[in-house]
Amino acid sequence: MAWDASRPVPWGRLAREWLVYVAVMAVVFVLFLRDTVNVGTIGGLFASLPMYLIAGYVLAKFGYQRKTLRDLKSAARPAPSSSTSSSSSSASVRSKPARTSRTSTGPSQHRPNNKRKRR
């Protein structure tokens, strides 16, 4: 997609996602990297906010929008159909593709049955 300055940027969602990232990384720092955490590590964690917001801004202007959990759940759940079950089952049946020289069982696929042994 092309850049579109009129596309909205979901600032609230970007900020919430960054806060979740900071919380997870803080837990990782406390649990696993306790001895190596210093002011620079915490500063780097907070310095990621502007970088994350800039990247999110650019992606939003190009039209990228991740699906929300609600969207993923609704996509995983089949939509209730108002049609009868026979029409929905016939729609799910695929027809066989046309035969090709690689899939046919014509003469090119049969090997001659030689009963004589070669010496």
C-alpha atoms as a PDB file:
ATOM      1  CA  MET A   1       0.000   0.000   0.000  1.00  0.00           C
ATOM      2  CA  ALA A   2       1.072   3.547  -0.538  1.00  0.00           C
ATOM      3  CA  TRP A   3       1.610   6.231   2.063  1.00  0.00           C
ATOM      4  CA  ASP A   4      -1.646   7.957   3.007  1.00  0.00           C
ATOM      5  CA  ALA A   5      -1.402  10.912   5.371  1.00  0.00           C
ATOM      6  CA  SER A   6      -5.129  10.727   6.121  1.00  0.00           C
ATOM      7  CA  ARG A   7      -4.913   7.253   7.690  1.00  0.00           C
ATOM      8  CA  PRO A   8      -5.421   7.373  11.450  1.00  0.00           C
ATOM      9  CA  VAL A   9      -2.678   6.269  13.838  1.00  0.00           C
ATOM     10  CA  PRO A  10      -3.866   4.217  16.840  1.00  0.00           C
ATOM     11  CA  TRP A  11      -1.765   6.069  19.440  1.00  0.00           C
ATOM     12  CA  GLY A  12      -3.592   4.530  22.390  1.00  0.00           C
ATOM     13  CA  ARG A  13      -3.056   1.016  21.139  1.00  0.00           C
ATOM     14  CA  LEU A  14       0.619   1.704  20.423  1.00  0.00           C
ATOM     15  CA  ALA A  15       1.116   3.069  23.935  1.00  0.00           C
ATOM     16  CA  ARG A  16      -0.658   0.077  25.533  1.00  0.00           C
ATOM     17  CA  GLU A  17       1.431  -2.385  23.521  1.00  0.00           C
ATOM     18  CA  TRP A  18       4.625  -0.598  24.538  1.00  0.00           C
ATOM     19  CA  LEU A  19       3.564  -0.660  28.201  1.00  0.00           C
ATOM     20  CA  VAL A  20       2.990  -4.417  27.957  1.00  0.00           C
ATOM     21  CA  TYR A  21       6.449  -4.768  26.413  1.00  0.00           C
ATOM     22  CA  VAL A  22       8.020  -2.735  29.238  1.00  0.00           C
ATOM     23  CA  ALA A  23       6.210  -4.795  31.882  1.00  0.00           C
ATOM     24  CA  VAL A  24       7.345  -8.091  30.350  1.00  0.00           C
ATOM     25  CA  MET A  25      10.931  -6.903  29.981  1.00  0.00           C
ATOM     26  CA  ALA A  26      10.965  -5.578  33.560  1.00  0.00           C
ATOM     27  CA  VAL A  27       9.918  -9.026  34.779  1.00  0.00           C
ATOM     28  CA  VAL A  28      12.631 -10.634  32.639  1.00  0.00           C
ATOM     29  CA  PHE A  29      15.218  -8.206  34.011  1.00  0.00           C
ATOM     30  CA  VAL A  30      14.206  -8.867  37.611  1.00  0.00           C
ATOM     31  CA  LEU A  31      13.955 -12.641  37.298  1.00  0.00           C
ATOM     32  CA  PHE A  32      16.810 -13.531  34.966  1.00  0.00           C
ATOM     33  CA  LEU A  33      19.194 -10.595  34.625  1.00  0.00           C
ATOM     34  CA  ARG A  34      19.179  -9.334  38.201  1.00  0.00           C
ATOM     35  CA  ASP A  35      22.953  -8.933  38.428  1.00  0.00           C
ATOM     36  CA  THR A  36      23.455  -7.139  35.123  1.00  0.00           C
ATOM     37  CA  VAL A  37      20.649  -4.540  35.327  1.00  0.00           C
ATOM     38  CA  ASN A  38      21.889  -0.957  35.667  1.00  0.00           C
ATOM     39  CA  VAL A  39      20.734   2.554  34.830  1.00  0.00           C
ATOM     40  CA  GLY A  40      21.694   2.146  31.171  1.00  0.00           C
ATOM     41  CA  THR A  41      19.507  -0.942  30.847  1.00  0.00           C
ATOM     42  CA  ILE A  42      16.486   0.859  32.273  1.00  0.00           C
ATOM     43  CA  GLY A  43      17.278   3.926  30.161  1.00  0.00           C
ATOM     44  CA  GLY A  44      17.421   1.786  27.042  1.00  0.00           C
ATOM     45  CA  LEU A  45      14.068   0.262  27.902  1.00  0.00           C
ATOM     46  CA  PHE A  46      12.483   3.708  28.126  1.00  0.00           C
ATOM     47  CA  ALA A  47      14.368   4.934  25.052  1.00  0.00           C
ATOM     48  CA  SER A  48      12.494   2.299  23.056  1.00  0.00           C
ATOM     49  CA  LEU A  49       9.236   4.291  23.400  1.00  0.00           C
ATOM     50  CA  PRO A  50       9.984   6.917  20.733  1.00  0.00           C
ATOM     51  CA  MET A  51      11.417   4.294  18.380  1.00  0.00           C
ATOM     52  CA  TYR A  52       8.325   2.106  18.808  1.00  0.00           C
ATOM     53  CA  LEU A  53       5.956   5.041  18.283  1.00  0.00           C
ATOM     54  CA  ILE A  54       7.808   6.200  15.157  1.00  0.00           C
ATOM     55  CA  ALA A  55       7.783   2.698  13.682  1.00  0.00           C
ATOM     56  CA  GLY A  56       4.069   2.327  14.516  1.00  0.00           C
ATOM     57  CA  TYR A  57       3.320   5.718  12.962  1.00  0.00           C
ATOM     58  CA  VAL A  58       5.083   4.855   9.700  1.00  0.00           C
ATOM     59  CA  LEU A  59       3.423   1.434   9.492  1.00  0.00           C
ATOM     60  CA  ALA A  60      -0.017   2.937  10.186  1.00  0.00           C
ATOM     61  CA  LYS A  61       0.446   5.501   7.423  1.00  0.00           C
ATOM     62  CA  PHE A  62       1.310   2.682   5.029  1.00  0.00           C
ATOM     63  CA  GLY A  63      -1.917   0.927   6.035  1.00  0.00           C
ATOM     64  CA  TYR A  64      -0.599  -1.805   8.330  1.00  0.00           C
ATOM     65  CA  GLN A  65      -2.993  -2.655  11.117  1.00  0.00           C
ATOM     66  CA  ARG A  66      -2.623  -5.792  13.192  1.00  0.00           C
ATOM     67  CA  LYS A  67      -5.734  -7.704  14.053  1.00  0.00           C
ATOM     68  CA  THR A  68      -7.048  -7.354  17.564  1.00  0.00           C
ATOM     69  CA  LEU A  69      -7.741 -10.356  19.767  1.00  0.00           C
ATOM     70  CA  ARG A  70     -11.449  -9.830  19.101  1.00  0.00           C
ATOM     71  CA  ASP A  71     -10.825 -10.025  15.341  1.00  0.00           C
ATOM     72  CA  LEU A  72      -8.766 -13.196  15.744  1.00  0.00           C
ATOM     73  CA  LYS A  73     -11.439 -14.859  17.888  1.00  0.00           C
ATOM     74  CA  SER A  74     -14.218 -13.980  15.454  1.00  0.00           C
ATOM     75  CA  ALA A  75     -12.167 -15.277  12.512  1.00  0.00           C
ATOM     76  CA  ALA A  76     -11.511 -18.570  14.315  1.00  0.00           C
ATOM     77  CA  ARG A  77     -15.193 -19.033  15.095  1.00  0.00           C
ATOM     78  CA  PRO A  78     -17.199 -20.120  12.040  1.00  0.00           C
ATOM     79  CA  ALA A  79     -19.933 -17.702  11.113  1.00  0.00           C
ATOM     80  CA  PRO A  80     -23.444 -19.084  11.598  1.00  0.00           C
ATOM     81  CA  SER A  81     -24.978 -19.713   8.195  1.00  0.00           C
ATOM     82  CA  SER A  82     -28.648 -19.249   7.500  1.00  0.00           C
ATOM     83  CA  SER A  83     -28.610 -21.718   4.607  1.00  0.00           C
ATOM     84  CA  THR A  84     -29.409 -25.378   4.936  1.00  0.00           C
ATOM     85  CA  SER A  85     -26.729 -27.894   5.780  1.00  0.00           C
ATOM     86  CA  SER A  86     -26.904 -29.588   2.373  1.00  0.00           C
ATOM     87  CA  SER A  87     -26.006 -26.406   0.506  1.00  0.00           C
ATOM     88  CA  SER A  88     -23.146 -25.604   2.870  1.00  0.00           C
ATOM     89  CA  SER A  89     -21.718 -29.128   2.615  1.00  0.00           C
ATOM     90  CA  SER A  90     -21.899 -29.081  -1.180  1.00  0.00           C
ATOM     91  CA  ALA A  91     -20.065 -25.743  -1.249  1.00  0.00           C
ATOM     92  CA  SER A  92     -17.169 -27.222   0.712  1.00  0.00           C
ATOM     93  CA  VAL A  93     -16.631 -30.119  -1.718  1.00  0.00           C
ATOM     94  CA  ARG A  94     -13.950 -29.379  -4.300  1.00  0.00           C
ATOM     95  CA  SER A  95     -13.956 -30.751  -7.790  1.00  0.00           C
ATOM     96  CA  LYS A  96     -10.963 -32.716  -9.014  1.00  0.00           C
ATOM     97  CA  PRO A  97      -8.417 -30.781 -11.053  1.00  0.00           C
ATOM     98  CA  ALA A  98      -7.924 -31.661 -14.698  1.00  0.00           C
ATOM     99  CA  ARG A  99      -5.511 -34.459 -15.473  1.00  0.00           C
ATOM    100  CA  THR A 100      -2.039 -33.620 -16.654  1.00  0.00           C
ATOM    101  CA  SER A 101       0.733 -35.707 -18.139  1.00  0.00           C
ATOM    102  CA  ARG A 102       2.206 -36.085 -14.671  1.00  0.00           C
ATOM    103  CA  THR A 103      -1.002 -37.181 -12.944  1.00  0.00           C
ATOM    104  CA  SER A 104      -2.687 -39.295 -15.606  1.00  0.00           C
ATOM    105  CA  THR A 105      -2.381 -43.049 -15.596  1.00  0.00           C
ATOM    106  CA  GLY A 106      -2.077 -43.239 -19.370  1.00  0.00           C
ATOM    107  CA  PRO A 107       0.428 -45.255 -21.395  1.00  0.00           C
ATOM    108  CA  SER A 108       3.357 -43.048 -20.452  1.00  0.00           C
ATOM    109  CA  GLN A 109       2.990 -44.109 -16.838  1.00  0.00           C
ATOM    110  CA  HIS A 110       2.916 -47.863 -17.438  1.00  0.00           C
ATOM    111  CA  ARG A 111       6.204 -49.697 -17.506  1.00  0.00           C
ATOM    112  CA  PRO A 112       6.451 -52.718 -19.781  1.00  0.00           C
ATOM    113  CA  ASN A 113       6.360 -56.002 -17.986  1.00  0.00           C
ATOM    114  CA  ASN A 114       9.470 -57.797 -19.245  1.00  0.00           C
ATOM    115  CA  LYS A 115       9.483 -61.420 -18.289  1.00  0.00           C
ATOM    116  CA  ARG A 116      12.880 -62.079 -19.770  1.00  0.00           C
ATOM    117  CA  LYS A 117      15.835 -61.529 -17.514  1.00  0.00           C
ATOM    118  CA  ARG A 118      18.599 -59.356 -18.831  1.00  0.00           C
ATOM    119  CA  ARG A 119      22.146 -60.614 -18.554  1.00  0.00           C
END
